[in-house]
PDBML (XML) file of the C-alpha atoms, coordinates in Angstrom:
<?xml version="1.0" encoding="UTF-8" ?>
<PDBx:datablock datablockName="MODEL"
   xmlns:PDBx="http://pdbml.pdb.org/schema/pdbx-v50.xsd"
   xmlns:xsi="http://www.w3.org/2001/XMLSchema-instance"
   xsi:schemaLocation="http://pdbml.pdb.org/schema/pdbx-v50.xsd pdbx-v50.xsd">
   <PDBx:atom_siteCategory>
      <PDBx:atom_site id="1">
         <PDBx:B_iso_or_equiv>0.00</PDBx:B_iso_or_equiv>
         <PDBx:Cartn_x>124.082</PDBx:Cartn_x>
         <PDBx:Cartn_y>-168.273</PDBx:Cartn_y>
         <PDBx:Cartn_z>4.120</PDBx:Cartn_z>
         <PDBx:auth_asym_id>A</PDBx:auth_asym_id>
         <PDBx:auth_atom_id>CA</PDBx:auth_atom_id>
         <PDBx:auth_comp_id>GLY</PDBx:auth_comp_id>
         <PDBx:auth_seq_id>1</PDBx:auth_seq_id>
         <PDBx:group_PDB>ATOM</PDBx:group_PDB>
         <PDBx:label_alt_id xsi:nil="true" />
         <PDBx:label_asym_id>A</PDBx:label_asym_id>
         <PDBx:label_atom_id>CA</PDBx:label_atom_id>
         <PDBx:label_comp_id>GLY</PDBx:label_comp_id>
         <PDBx:label_entity_id>1</PDBx:label_entity_id>
         <PDBx:label_seq_id>1</PDBx:label_seq_id>
         <PDBx:occupancy>1.00</PDBx:occupancy>
         <PDBx:pdbx_PDB_model_num>1</PDBx:pdbx_PDB_model_num>
         <PDBx:type_symbol>C</PDBx:type_symbol>
      </PDBx:atom_site>
      <PDBx:atom_site id="2">
         <PDBx:B_iso_or_equiv>0.00</PDBx:B_iso_or_equiv>
         <PDBx:Cartn_x>125.491</PDBx:Cartn_x>
         <PDBx:Cartn_y>-168.719</PDBx:Cartn_y>
         <PDBx:Cartn_z>0.627</PDBx:Cartn_z>
         <PDBx:auth_asym_id>A</PDBx:auth_asym_id>
         <PDBx:auth_atom_id>CA</PDBx:auth_atom_id>
         <PDBx:auth_comp_id>THR</PDBx:auth_comp_id>
         <PDBx:auth_seq_id>2</PDBx:auth_seq_id>
         <PDBx:group_PDB>ATOM</PDBx:group_PDB>
         <PDBx:label_alt_id xsi:nil="true" />
         <PDBx:label_asym_id>A</PDBx:label_asym_id>
         <PDBx:label_atom_id>CA</PDBx:label_atom_id>
         <PDBx:label_comp_id>THR</PDBx:label_comp_id>
         <PDBx:label_entity_id>1</PDBx:label_entity_id>
         <PDBx:label_seq_id>2</PDBx:label_seq_id>
         <PDBx:occupancy>1.00</PDBx:occupancy>
         <PDBx:pdbx_PDB_model_num>1</PDBx:pdbx_PDB_model_num>
         <PDBx:type_symbol>C</PDBx:type_symbol>
      </PDBx:atom_site>
      <PDBx:atom_site id="3">
         <PDBx:B_iso_or_equiv>0.00</PDBx:B_iso_or_equiv>
         <PDBx:Cartn_x>126.171</PDBx:Cartn_x>
         <PDBx:Cartn_y>-165.998</PDBx:Cartn_y>
         <PDBx:Cartn_z>-1.926</PDBx:Cartn_z>
         <PDBx:auth_asym_id>A</PDBx:auth_asym_id>
         <PDBx:auth_atom_id>CA</PDBx:auth_atom_id>
         <PDBx:auth_comp_id>VAL</PDBx:auth_comp_id>
         <PDBx:auth_seq_id>3</PDBx:auth_seq_id>
         <PDBx:group_PDB>ATOM</PDBx:group_PDB>
         <PDBx:label_alt_id xsi:nil="true" />
         <PDBx:label_asym_id>A</PDBx:label_asym_id>
         <PDBx:label_atom_id>CA</PDBx:label_atom_id>
         <PDBx:label_comp_id>VAL</PDBx:label_comp_id>
         <PDBx:label_entity_id>1</PDBx:label_entity_id>
         <PDBx:label_seq_id>3</PDBx:label_seq_id>
         <PDBx:occupancy>1.00</PDBx:occupancy>
         <PDBx:pdbx_PDB_model_num>1</PDBx:pdbx_PDB_model_num>
         <PDBx:type_symbol>C</PDBx:type_symbol>
      </PDBx:atom_site>
      <PDBx:atom_site id="4">
         <PDBx:B_iso_or_equiv>0.00</PDBx:B_iso_or_equiv>
         <PDBx:Cartn_x>127.898</PDBx:Cartn_x>
         <PDBx:Cartn_y>-165.795</PDBx:Cartn_y>
         <PDBx:Cartn_z>-5.281</PDBx:Cartn_z>
         <PDBx:auth_asym_id>A</PDBx:auth_asym_id>
         <PDBx:auth_atom_id>CA</PDBx:auth_atom_id>
         <PDBx:auth_comp_id>ASN</PDBx:auth_comp_id>
         <PDBx:auth_seq_id>4</PDBx:auth_seq_id>
         <PDBx:group_PDB>ATOM</PDBx:group_PDB>
         <PDBx:label_alt_id xsi:nil="true" />
         <PDBx:label_asym_id>A</PDBx:label_asym_id>
         <PDBx:label_atom_id>CA</PDBx:label_atom_id>
         <PDBx:label_comp_id>ASN</PDBx:label_comp_id>
         <PDBx:label_entity_id>1</PDBx:label_entity_id>
         <PDBx:label_seq_id>4</PDBx:label_seq_id>
         <PDBx:occupancy>1.00</PDBx:occupancy>
         <PDBx:pdbx_PDB_model_num>1</PDBx:pdbx_PDB_model_num>
         <PDBx:type_symbol>C</PDBx:type_symbol>
      </PDBx:atom_site>
      <PDBx:atom_site id="5">
         <PDBx:B_iso_or_equiv>0.00</PDBx:B_iso_or_equiv>
         <PDBx:Cartn_x>131.413</PDBx:Cartn_x>
         <PDBx:Cartn_y>-164.446</PDBx:Cartn_y>
         <PDBx:Cartn_z>-4.812</PDBx:Cartn_z>
         <PDBx:auth_asym_id>A</PDBx:auth_asym_id>
         <PDBx:auth_atom_id>CA</PDBx:auth_atom_id>
         <PDBx:auth_comp_id>MET</PDBx:auth_comp_id>
         <PDBx:auth_seq_id>5</PDBx:auth_seq_id>
         <PDBx:group_PDB>ATOM</PDBx:group_PDB>
         <PDBx:label_alt_id xsi:nil="true" />
         <PDBx:label_asym_id>A</PDBx:label_asym_id>
         <PDBx:label_atom_id>CA</PDBx:label_atom_id>
         <PDBx:label_comp_id>MET</PDBx:label_comp_id>
         <PDBx:label_entity_id>1</PDBx:label_entity_id>
         <PDBx:label_seq_id>5</PDBx:label_seq_id>
         <PDBx:occupancy>1.00</PDBx:occupancy>
         <PDBx:pdbx_PDB_model_num>1</PDBx:pdbx_PDB_model_num>
         <PDBx:type_symbol>C</PDBx:type_symbol>
      </PDBx:atom_site>
      <PDBx:atom_site id="6">
         <PDBx:B_iso_or_equiv>0.00</PDBx:B_iso_or_equiv>
         <PDBx:Cartn_x>130.813</PDBx:Cartn_x>
         <PDBx:Cartn_y>-161.960</PDBx:Cartn_y>
         <PDBx:Cartn_z>-7.642</PDBx:Cartn_z>
         <PDBx:auth_asym_id>A</PDBx:auth_asym_id>
         <PDBx:auth_atom_id>CA</PDBx:auth_atom_id>
         <PDBx:auth_comp_id>ALA</PDBx:auth_comp_id>
         <PDBx:auth_seq_id>6</PDBx:auth_seq_id>
         <PDBx:group_PDB>ATOM</PDBx:group_PDB>
         <PDBx:label_alt_id xsi:nil="true" />
         <PDBx:label_asym_id>A</PDBx:label_asym_id>
         <PDBx:label_atom_id>CA</PDBx:label_atom_id>
         <PDBx:label_comp_id>ALA</PDBx:label_comp_id>
         <PDBx:label_entity_id>1</PDBx:label_entity_id>
         <PDBx:label_seq_id>6</PDBx:label_seq_id>
         <PDBx:occupancy>1.00</PDBx:occupancy>
         <PDBx:pdbx_PDB_model_num>1</PDBx:pdbx_PDB_model_num>
         <PDBx:type_symbol>C</PDBx:type_symbol>
      </PDBx:atom_site>
      <PDBx:atom_site id="7">
         <PDBx:B_iso_or_equiv>0.00</PDBx:B_iso_or_equiv>
         <PDBx:Cartn_x>127.818</PDBx:Cartn_x>
         <PDBx:Cartn_y>-160.393</PDBx:Cartn_y>
         <PDBx:Cartn_z>-5.883</PDBx:Cartn_z>
         <PDBx:auth_asym_id>A</PDBx:auth_asym_id>
         <PDBx:auth_atom_id>CA</PDBx:auth_atom_id>
         <PDBx:auth_comp_id>TYR</PDBx:auth_comp_id>
         <PDBx:auth_seq_id>7</PDBx:auth_seq_id>
         <PDBx:group_PDB>ATOM</PDBx:group_PDB>
         <PDBx:label_alt_id xsi:nil="true" />
         <PDBx:label_asym_id>A</PDBx:label_asym_id>
         <PDBx:label_atom_id>CA</PDBx:label_atom_id>
         <PDBx:label_comp_id>TYR</PDBx:label_comp_id>
         <PDBx:label_entity_id>1</PDBx:label_entity_id>
         <PDBx:label_seq_id>7</PDBx:label_seq_id>
         <PDBx:occupancy>1.00</PDBx:occupancy>
         <PDBx:pdbx_PDB_model_num>1</PDBx:pdbx_PDB_model_num>
         <PDBx:type_symbol>C</PDBx:type_symbol>
      </PDBx:atom_site>
      <PDBx:atom_site id="8">
         <PDBx:B_iso_or_equiv>0.00</PDBx:B_iso_or_equiv>
         <PDBx:Cartn_x>128.189</PDBx:Cartn_x>
         <PDBx:Cartn_y>-156.720</PDBx:Cartn_y>
         <PDBx:Cartn_z>-4.964</PDBx:Cartn_z>
         <PDBx:auth_asym_id>A</PDBx:auth_asym_id>
         <PDBx:auth_atom_id>CA</PDBx:auth_atom_id>
         <PDBx:auth_comp_id>ASP</PDBx:auth_comp_id>
         <PDBx:auth_seq_id>8</PDBx:auth_seq_id>
         <PDBx:group_PDB>ATOM</PDBx:group_PDB>
         <PDBx:label_alt_id xsi:nil="true" />
         <PDBx:label_asym_id>A</PDBx:label_asym_id>
         <PDBx:label_atom_id>CA</PDBx:label_atom_id>
         <PDBx:label_comp_id>ASP</PDBx:label_comp_id>
         <PDBx:label_entity_id>1</PDBx:label_entity_id>
         <PDBx:label_seq_id>8</PDBx:label_seq_id>
         <PDBx:occupancy>1.00</PDBx:occupancy>
         <PDBx:pdbx_PDB_model_num>1</PDBx:pdbx_PDB_model_num>
         <PDBx:type_symbol>C</PDBx:type_symbol>
      </PDBx:atom_site>
      <PDBx:atom_site id="9">
         <PDBx:B_iso_or_equiv>0.00</PDBx:B_iso_or_equiv>
         <PDBx:Cartn_x>125.664</PDBx:Cartn_x>
         <PDBx:Cartn_y>-155.658</PDBx:Cartn_y>
         <PDBx:Cartn_z>-2.278</PDBx:Cartn_z>
         <PDBx:auth_asym_id>A</PDBx:auth_asym_id>
         <PDBx:auth_atom_id>CA</PDBx:auth_atom_id>
         <PDBx:auth_comp_id>PRO</PDBx:auth_comp_id>
         <PDBx:auth_seq_id>9</PDBx:auth_seq_id>
         <PDBx:group_PDB>ATOM</PDBx:group_PDB>
         <PDBx:label_alt_id xsi:nil="true" />
         <PDBx:label_asym_id>A</PDBx:label_asym_id>
         <PDBx:label_atom_id>CA</PDBx:label_atom_id>
         <PDBx:label_comp_id>PRO</PDBx:label_comp_id>
         <PDBx:label_entity_id>1</PDBx:label_entity_id>
         <PDBx:label_seq_id>9</PDBx:label_seq_id>
         <PDBx:occupancy>1.00</PDBx:occupancy>
         <PDBx:pdbx_PDB_model_num>1</PDBx:pdbx_PDB_model_num>
         <PDBx:type_symbol>C</PDBx:type_symbol>
      </PDBx:atom_site>
      <PDBx:atom_site id="10">
         <PDBx:B_iso_or_equiv>0.00</PDBx:B_iso_or_equiv>
         <PDBx:Cartn_x>125.924</PDBx:Cartn_x>
         <PDBx:Cartn_y>-151.960</PDBx:Cartn_y>
         <PDBx:Cartn_z>-3.189</PDBx:Cartn_z>
         <PDBx:auth_asym_id>A</PDBx:auth_asym_id>
         <PDBx:auth_atom_id>CA</PDBx:auth_atom_id>
         <PDBx:auth_comp_id>GLU</PDBx:auth_comp_id>
         <PDBx:auth_seq_id>10</PDBx:auth_seq_id>
         <PDBx:group_PDB>ATOM</PDBx:group_PDB>
         <PDBx:label_alt_id xsi:nil="true" />
         <PDBx:label_asym_id>A</PDBx:label_asym_id>
         <PDBx:label_atom_id>CA</PDBx:label_atom_id>
         <PDBx:label_comp_id>GLU</PDBx:label_comp_id>
         <PDBx:label_entity_id>1</PDBx:label_entity_id>
         <PDBx:label_seq_id>10</PDBx:label_seq_id>
         <PDBx:occupancy>1.00</PDBx:occupancy>
         <PDBx:pdbx_PDB_model_num>1</PDBx:pdbx_PDB_model_num>
         <PDBx:type_symbol>C</PDBx:type_symbol>
      </PDBx:atom_site>
      <PDBx:atom_site id="11">
         <PDBx:B_iso_or_equiv>0.00</PDBx:B_iso_or_equiv>
         <PDBx:Cartn_x>125.920</PDBx:Cartn_x>
         <PDBx:Cartn_y>-152.388</PDBx:Cartn_y>
         <PDBx:Cartn_z>-6.979</PDBx:Cartn_z>
         <PDBx:auth_asym_id>A</PDBx:auth_asym_id>
         <PDBx:auth_atom_id>CA</PDBx:auth_atom_id>
         <PDBx:auth_comp_id>TYR</PDBx:auth_comp_id>
         <PDBx:auth_seq_id>11</PDBx:auth_seq_id>
         <PDBx:group_PDB>ATOM</PDBx:group_PDB>
         <PDBx:label_alt_id xsi:nil="true" />
         <PDBx:label_asym_id>A</PDBx:label_asym_id>
         <PDBx:label_atom_id>CA</PDBx:label_atom_id>
         <PDBx:label_comp_id>TYR</PDBx:label_comp_id>
         <PDBx:label_entity_id>1</PDBx:label_entity_id>
         <PDBx:label_seq_id>11</PDBx:label_seq_id>
         <PDBx:occupancy>1.00</PDBx:occupancy>
         <PDBx:pdbx_PDB_model_num>1</PDBx:pdbx_PDB_model_num>
         <PDBx:type_symbol>C</PDBx:type_symbol>
      </PDBx:atom_site>
      <PDBx:atom_site id="12">
         <PDBx:B_iso_or_equiv>0.00</PDBx:B_iso_or_equiv>
         <PDBx:Cartn_x>124.009</PDBx:Cartn_x>
         <PDBx:Cartn_y>-155.577</PDBx:Cartn_y>
         <PDBx:Cartn_z>-7.888</PDBx:Cartn_z>
         <PDBx:auth_asym_id>A</PDBx:auth_asym_id>
         <PDBx:auth_atom_id>CA</PDBx:auth_atom_id>
         <PDBx:auth_comp_id>PRO</PDBx:auth_comp_id>
         <PDBx:auth_seq_id>12</PDBx:auth_seq_id>
         <PDBx:group_PDB>ATOM</PDBx:group_PDB>
         <PDBx:label_alt_id xsi:nil="true" />
         <PDBx:label_asym_id>A</PDBx:label_asym_id>
         <PDBx:label_atom_id>CA</PDBx:label_atom_id>
         <PDBx:label_comp_id>PRO</PDBx:label_comp_id>
         <PDBx:label_entity_id>1</PDBx:label_entity_id>
         <PDBx:label_seq_id>12</PDBx:label_seq_id>
         <PDBx:occupancy>1.00</PDBx:occupancy>
         <PDBx:pdbx_PDB_model_num>1</PDBx:pdbx_PDB_model_num>
         <PDBx:type_symbol>C</PDBx:type_symbol>
      </PDBx:atom_site>
      <PDBx:atom_site id="13">
         <PDBx:B_iso_or_equiv>0.00</PDBx:B_iso_or_equiv>
         <PDBx:Cartn_x>124.581</PDBx:Cartn_x>
         <PDBx:Cartn_y>-155.027</PDBx:Cartn_y>
         <PDBx:Cartn_z>-11.623</PDBx:Cartn_z>
         <PDBx:auth_asym_id>A</PDBx:auth_asym_id>
         <PDBx:auth_atom_id>CA</PDBx:auth_atom_id>
         <PDBx:auth_comp_id>THR</PDBx:auth_comp_id>
         <PDBx:auth_seq_id>13</PDBx:auth_seq_id>
         <PDBx:group_PDB>ATOM</PDBx:group_PDB>
         <PDBx:label_alt_id xsi:nil="true" />
         <PDBx:label_asym_id>A</PDBx:label_asym_id>
         <PDBx:label_atom_id>CA</PDBx:label_atom_id>
         <PDBx:label_comp_id>THR</PDBx:label_comp_id>
         <PDBx:label_entity_id>1</PDBx:label_entity_id>
         <PDBx:label_seq_id>13</PDBx:label_seq_id>
         <PDBx:occupancy>1.00</PDBx:occupancy>
         <PDBx:pdbx_PDB_model_num>1</PDBx:pdbx_PDB_model_num>
         <PDBx:type_symbol>C</PDBx:type_symbol>
      </PDBx:atom_site>
      <PDBx:atom_site id="14">
         <PDBx:B_iso_or_equiv>0.00</PDBx:B_iso_or_equiv>
         <PDBx:Cartn_x>128.356</PDBx:Cartn_x>
         <PDBx:Cartn_y>-155.069</PDBx:Cartn_y>
         <PDBx:Cartn_z>-11.243</PDBx:Cartn_z>
         <PDBx:auth_asym_id>A</PDBx:auth_asym_id>
         <PDBx:auth_atom_id>CA</PDBx:auth_atom_id>
         <PDBx:auth_comp_id>ALA</PDBx:auth_comp_id>
         <PDBx:auth_seq_id>14</PDBx:auth_seq_id>
         <PDBx:group_PDB>ATOM</PDBx:group_PDB>
         <PDBx:label_alt_id xsi:nil="true" />
         <PDBx:label_asym_id>A</PDBx:label_asym_id>
         <PDBx:label_atom_id>CA</PDBx:label_atom_id>
         <PDBx:label_comp_id>ALA</PDBx:label_comp_id>
         <PDBx:label_entity_id>1</PDBx:label_entity_id>
         <PDBx:label_seq_id>14</PDBx:label_seq_id>
         <PDBx:occupancy>1.00</PDBx:occupancy>
         <PDBx:pdbx_PDB_model_num>1</PDBx:pdbx_PDB_model_num>
         <PDBx:type_symbol>C</PDBx:type_symbol>
      </PDBx:atom_site>
      <PDBx:atom_site id="15">
         <PDBx:B_iso_or_equiv>0.00</PDBx:B_iso_or_equiv>
         <PDBx:Cartn_x>130.422</PDBx:Cartn_x>
         <PDBx:Cartn_y>-158.142</PDBx:Cartn_y>
         <PDBx:Cartn_z>-12.205</PDBx:Cartn_z>
         <PDBx:auth_asym_id>A</PDBx:auth_asym_id>
         <PDBx:auth_atom_id>CA</PDBx:auth_atom_id>
         <PDBx:auth_comp_id>ASN</PDBx:auth_comp_id>
         <PDBx:auth_seq_id>15</PDBx:auth_seq_id>
         <PDBx:group_PDB>ATOM</PDBx:group_PDB>
         <PDBx:label_alt_id xsi:nil="true" />
         <PDBx:label_asym_id>A</PDBx:label_asym_id>
         <PDBx:label_atom_id>CA</PDBx:label_atom_id>
         <PDBx:label_comp_id>ASN</PDBx:label_comp_id>
         <PDBx:label_entity_id>1</PDBx:label_entity_id>
         <PDBx:label_seq_id>15</PDBx:label_seq_id>
         <PDBx:occupancy>1.00</PDBx:occupancy>
         <PDBx:pdbx_PDB_model_num>1</PDBx:pdbx_PDB_model_num>
         <PDBx:type_symbol>C</PDBx:type_symbol>
      </PDBx:atom_site>
      <PDBx:atom_site id="16">
         <PDBx:B_iso_or_equiv>0.00</PDBx:B_iso_or_equiv>
         <PDBx:Cartn_x>128.009</PDBx:Cartn_x>
         <PDBx:Cartn_y>-159.191</PDBx:Cartn_y>
         <PDBx:Cartn_z>-14.961</PDBx:Cartn_z>
         <PDBx:auth_asym_id>A</PDBx:auth_asym_id>
         <PDBx:auth_atom_id>CA</PDBx:auth_atom_id>
         <PDBx:auth_comp_id>ALA</PDBx:auth_comp_id>
         <PDBx:auth_seq_id>16</PDBx:auth_seq_id>
         <PDBx:group_PDB>ATOM</PDBx:group_PDB>
         <PDBx:label_alt_id xsi:nil="true" />
         <PDBx:label_asym_id>A</PDBx:label_asym_id>
         <PDBx:label_atom_id>CA</PDBx:label_atom_id>
         <PDBx:label_comp_id>ALA</PDBx:label_comp_id>
         <PDBx:label_entity_id>1</PDBx:label_entity_id>
         <PDBx:label_seq_id>16</PDBx:label_seq_id>
         <PDBx:occupancy>1.00</PDBx:occupancy>
         <PDBx:pdbx_PDB_model_num>1</PDBx:pdbx_PDB_model_num>
         <PDBx:type_symbol>C</PDBx:type_symbol>
      </PDBx:atom_site>
      <PDBx:atom_site id="17">
         <PDBx:B_iso_or_equiv>0.00</PDBx:B_iso_or_equiv>
         <PDBx:Cartn_x>125.011</PDBx:Cartn_x>
         <PDBx:Cartn_y>-158.917</PDBx:Cartn_y>
         <PDBx:Cartn_z>-12.634</PDBx:Cartn_z>
         <PDBx:auth_asym_id>A</PDBx:auth_asym_id>
         <PDBx:auth_atom_id>CA</PDBx:auth_atom_id>
         <PDBx:auth_comp_id>ASN</PDBx:auth_comp_id>
         <PDBx:auth_seq_id>17</PDBx:auth_seq_id>
         <PDBx:group_PDB>ATOM</PDBx:group_PDB>
         <PDBx:label_alt_id xsi:nil="true" />
         <PDBx:label_asym_id>A</PDBx:label_asym_id>
         <PDBx:label_atom_id>CA</PDBx:label_atom_id>
         <PDBx:label_comp_id>ASN</PDBx:label_comp_id>
         <PDBx:label_entity_id>1</PDBx:label_entity_id>
         <PDBx:label_seq_id>17</PDBx:label_seq_id>
         <PDBx:occupancy>1.00</PDBx:occupancy>
         <PDBx:pdbx_PDB_model_num>1</PDBx:pdbx_PDB_model_num>
         <PDBx:type_symbol>C</PDBx:type_symbol>
      </PDBx:atom_site>
      <PDBx:atom_site id="18">
         <PDBx:B_iso_or_equiv>0.00</PDBx:B_iso_or_equiv>
         <PDBx:Cartn_x>126.869</PDBx:Cartn_x>
         <PDBx:Cartn_y>-160.724</PDBx:Cartn_y>
         <PDBx:Cartn_z>-9.883</PDBx:Cartn_z>
         <PDBx:auth_asym_id>A</PDBx:auth_asym_id>
         <PDBx:auth_atom_id>CA</PDBx:auth_atom_id>
         <PDBx:auth_comp_id>GLY</PDBx:auth_comp_id>
         <PDBx:auth_seq_id>18</PDBx:auth_seq_id>
         <PDBx:group_PDB>ATOM</PDBx:group_PDB>
         <PDBx:label_alt_id xsi:nil="true" />
         <PDBx:label_asym_id>A</PDBx:label_asym_id>
         <PDBx:label_atom_id>CA</PDBx:label_atom_id>
         <PDBx:label_comp_id>GLY</PDBx:label_comp_id>
         <PDBx:label_entity_id>1</PDBx:label_entity_id>
         <PDBx:label_seq_id>18</PDBx:label_seq_id>
         <PDBx:occupancy>1.00</PDBx:occupancy>
         <PDBx:pdbx_PDB_model_num>1</PDBx:pdbx_PDB_model_num>
         <PDBx:type_symbol>C</PDBx:type_symbol>
      </PDBx:atom_site>
      <PDBx:atom_site id="19">
         <PDBx:B_iso_or_equiv>0.00</PDBx:B_iso_or_equiv>
         <PDBx:Cartn_x>127.777</PDBx:Cartn_x>
         <PDBx:Cartn_y>-163.847</PDBx:Cartn_y>
         <PDBx:Cartn_z>-11.888</PDBx:Cartn_z>
         <PDBx:auth_asym_id>A</PDBx:auth_asym_id>
         <PDBx:auth_atom_id>CA</PDBx:auth_atom_id>
         <PDBx:auth_comp_id>THR</PDBx:auth_comp_id>
         <PDBx:auth_seq_id>19</PDBx:auth_seq_id>
         <PDBx:group_PDB>ATOM</PDBx:group_PDB>
         <PDBx:label_alt_id xsi:nil="true" />
         <PDBx:label_asym_id>A</PDBx:label_asym_id>
         <PDBx:label_atom_id>CA</PDBx:label_atom_id>
         <PDBx:label_comp_id>THR</PDBx:label_comp_id>
         <PDBx:label_entity_id>1</PDBx:label_entity_id>
         <PDBx:label_seq_id>19</PDBx:label_seq_id>
         <PDBx:occupancy>1.00</PDBx:occupancy>
         <PDBx:pdbx_PDB_model_num>1</PDBx:pdbx_PDB_model_num>
         <PDBx:type_symbol>C</PDBx:type_symbol>
      </PDBx:atom_site>
      <PDBx:atom_site id="20">
         <PDBx:B_iso_or_equiv>0.00</PDBx:B_iso_or_equiv>
         <PDBx:Cartn_x>131.482</PDBx:Cartn_x>
         <PDBx:Cartn_y>-163.562</PDBx:Cartn_y>
         <PDBx:Cartn_z>-12.839</PDBx:Cartn_z>
         <PDBx:auth_asym_id>A</PDBx:auth_asym_id>
         <PDBx:auth_atom_id>CA</PDBx:auth_atom_id>
         <PDBx:auth_comp_id>ILE</PDBx:auth_comp_id>
         <PDBx:auth_seq_id>20</PDBx:auth_seq_id>
         <PDBx:group_PDB>ATOM</PDBx:group_PDB>
         <PDBx:label_alt_id xsi:nil="true" />
         <PDBx:label_asym_id>A</PDBx:label_asym_id>
         <PDBx:label_atom_id>CA</PDBx:label_atom_id>
         <PDBx:label_comp_id>ILE</PDBx:label_comp_id>
         <PDBx:label_entity_id>1</PDBx:label_entity_id>
         <PDBx:label_seq_id>20</PDBx:label_seq_id>
         <PDBx:occupancy>1.00</PDBx:occupancy>
         <PDBx:pdbx_PDB_model_num>1</PDBx:pdbx_PDB_model_num>
         <PDBx:type_symbol>C</PDBx:type_symbol>
      </PDBx:atom_site>
      <PDBx:atom_site id="21">
         <PDBx:B_iso_or_equiv>0.00</PDBx:B_iso_or_equiv>
         <PDBx:Cartn_x>134.309</PDBx:Cartn_x>
         <PDBx:Cartn_y>-161.968</PDBx:Cartn_y>
         <PDBx:Cartn_z>-10.890</PDBx:Cartn_z>
         <PDBx:auth_asym_id>A</PDBx:auth_asym_id>
         <PDBx:auth_atom_id>CA</PDBx:auth_atom_id>
         <PDBx:auth_comp_id>LEU</PDBx:auth_comp_id>
         <PDBx:auth_seq_id>21</PDBx:auth_seq_id>
         <PDBx:group_PDB>ATOM</PDBx:group_PDB>
         <PDBx:label_alt_id xsi:nil="true" />
         <PDBx:label_asym_id>A</PDBx:label_asym_id>
         <PDBx:label_atom_id>CA</PDBx:label_atom_id>
         <PDBx:label_comp_id>LEU</PDBx:label_comp_id>
         <PDBx:label_entity_id>1</PDBx:label_entity_id>
         <PDBx:label_seq_id>21</PDBx:label_seq_id>
         <PDBx:occupancy>1.00</PDBx:occupancy>
         <PDBx:pdbx_PDB_model_num>1</PDBx:pdbx_PDB_model_num>
         <PDBx:type_symbol>C</PDBx:type_symbol>
      </PDBx:atom_site>
      <PDBx:atom_site id="22">
         <PDBx:B_iso_or_equiv>0.00</PDBx:B_iso_or_equiv>
         <PDBx:Cartn_x>137.210</PDBx:Cartn_x>
         <PDBx:Cartn_y>-160.733</PDBx:Cartn_y>
         <PDBx:Cartn_z>-12.988</PDBx:Cartn_z>
         <PDBx:auth_asym_id>A</PDBx:auth_asym_id>
         <PDBx:auth_atom_id>CA</PDBx:auth_atom_id>
         <PDBx:auth_comp_id>GLU</PDBx:auth_comp_id>
         <PDBx:auth_seq_id>22</PDBx:auth_seq_id>
         <PDBx:group_PDB>ATOM</PDBx:group_PDB>
         <PDBx:label_alt_id xsi:nil="true" />
         <PDBx:label_asym_id>A</PDBx:label_asym_id>
         <PDBx:label_atom_id>CA</PDBx:label_atom_id>
         <PDBx:label_comp_id>GLU</PDBx:label_comp_id>
         <PDBx:label_entity_id>1</PDBx:label_entity_id>
         <PDBx:label_seq_id>22</PDBx:label_seq_id>
         <PDBx:occupancy>1.00</PDBx:occupancy>
         <PDBx:pdbx_PDB_model_num>1</PDBx:pdbx_PDB_model_num>
         <PDBx:type_symbol>C</PDBx:type_symbol>
      </PDBx:atom_site>
      <PDBx:atom_site id="23">
         <PDBx:B_iso_or_equiv>0.00</PDBx:B_iso_or_equiv>
         <PDBx:Cartn_x>140.846</PDBx:Cartn_x>
         <PDBx:Cartn_y>-160.846</PDBx:Cartn_y>
         <PDBx:Cartn_z>-11.852</PDBx:Cartn_z>
         <PDBx:auth_asym_id>A</PDBx:auth_asym_id>
         <PDBx:auth_atom_id>CA</PDBx:auth_atom_id>
         <PDBx:auth_comp_id>ALA</PDBx:auth_comp_id>
         <PDBx:auth_seq_id>23</PDBx:auth_seq_id>
         <PDBx:group_PDB>ATOM</PDBx:group_PDB>
         <PDBx:label_alt_id xsi:nil="true" />
         <PDBx:label_asym_id>A</PDBx:label_asym_id>
         <PDBx:label_atom_id>CA</PDBx:label_atom_id>
         <PDBx:label_comp_id>ALA</PDBx:label_comp_id>
         <PDBx:label_entity_id>1</PDBx:label_entity_id>
         <PDBx:label_seq_id>23</PDBx:label_seq_id>
         <PDBx:occupancy>1.00</PDBx:occupancy>
         <PDBx:pdbx_PDB_model_num>1</PDBx:pdbx_PDB_model_num>
         <PDBx:type_symbol>C</PDBx:type_symbol>
      </PDBx:atom_site>
      <PDBx:atom_site id="24">
         <PDBx:B_iso_or_equiv>0.00</PDBx:B_iso_or_equiv>
         <PDBx:Cartn_x>144.235</PDBx:Cartn_x>
         <PDBx:Cartn_y>-160.336</PDBx:Cartn_y>
         <PDBx:Cartn_z>-13.509</PDBx:Cartn_z>
         <PDBx:auth_asym_id>A</PDBx:auth_asym_id>
         <PDBx:auth_atom_id>CA</PDBx:auth_atom_id>
         <PDBx:auth_comp_id>VAL</PDBx:auth_comp_id>
         <PDBx:auth_seq_id>24</PDBx:auth_seq_id>
         <PDBx:group_PDB>ATOM</PDBx:group_PDB>
         <PDBx:label_alt_id xsi:nil="true" />
         <PDBx:label_asym_id>A</PDBx:label_asym_id>
         <PDBx:label_atom_id>CA</PDBx:label_atom_id>
         <PDBx:label_comp_id>VAL</PDBx:label_comp_id>
         <PDBx:label_entity_id>1</PDBx:label_entity_id>
         <PDBx:label_seq_id>24</PDBx:label_seq_id>
         <PDBx:occupancy>1.00</PDBx:occupancy>
         <PDBx:pdbx_PDB_model_num>1</PDBx:pdbx_PDB_model_num>
         <PDBx:type_symbol>C</PDBx:type_symbol>
      </PDBx:atom_site>
      <PDBx:atom_site id="25">
         <PDBx:B_iso_or_equiv>0.00</PDBx:B_iso_or_equiv>
         <PDBx:Cartn_x>146.852</PDBx:Cartn_x>
         <PDBx:Cartn_y>-163.099</PDBx:Cartn_y>
         <PDBx:Cartn_z>-13.294</PDBx:Cartn_z>
         <PDBx:auth_asym_id>A</PDBx:auth_asym_id>
         <PDBx:auth_atom_id>CA</PDBx:auth_atom_id>
         <PDBx:auth_comp_id>THR</PDBx:auth_comp_id>
         <PDBx:auth_seq_id>25</PDBx:auth_seq_id>
         <PDBx:group_PDB>ATOM</PDBx:group_PDB>
         <PDBx:label_alt_id xsi:nil="true" />
         <PDBx:label_asym_id>A</PDBx:label_asym_id>
         <PDBx:label_atom_id>CA</PDBx:label_atom_id>
         <PDBx:label_comp_id>THR</PDBx:label_comp_id>
         <PDBx:label_entity_id>1</PDBx:label_entity_id>
         <PDBx:label_seq_id>25</PDBx:label_seq_id>
         <PDBx:occupancy>1.00</PDBx:occupancy>
         <PDBx:pdbx_PDB_model_num>1</PDBx:pdbx_PDB_model_num>
         <PDBx:type_symbol>C</PDBx:type_symbol>
      </PDBx:atom_site>
   </PDBx:atom_siteCategory>
</PDBx:datablock>
């Protein structure tokens, strides 16, 4: 299977509705 890496199974609305994952450099 394939899934967006920003997808949160418990909170689907997190990470801009599962589209963008934020990280600090």
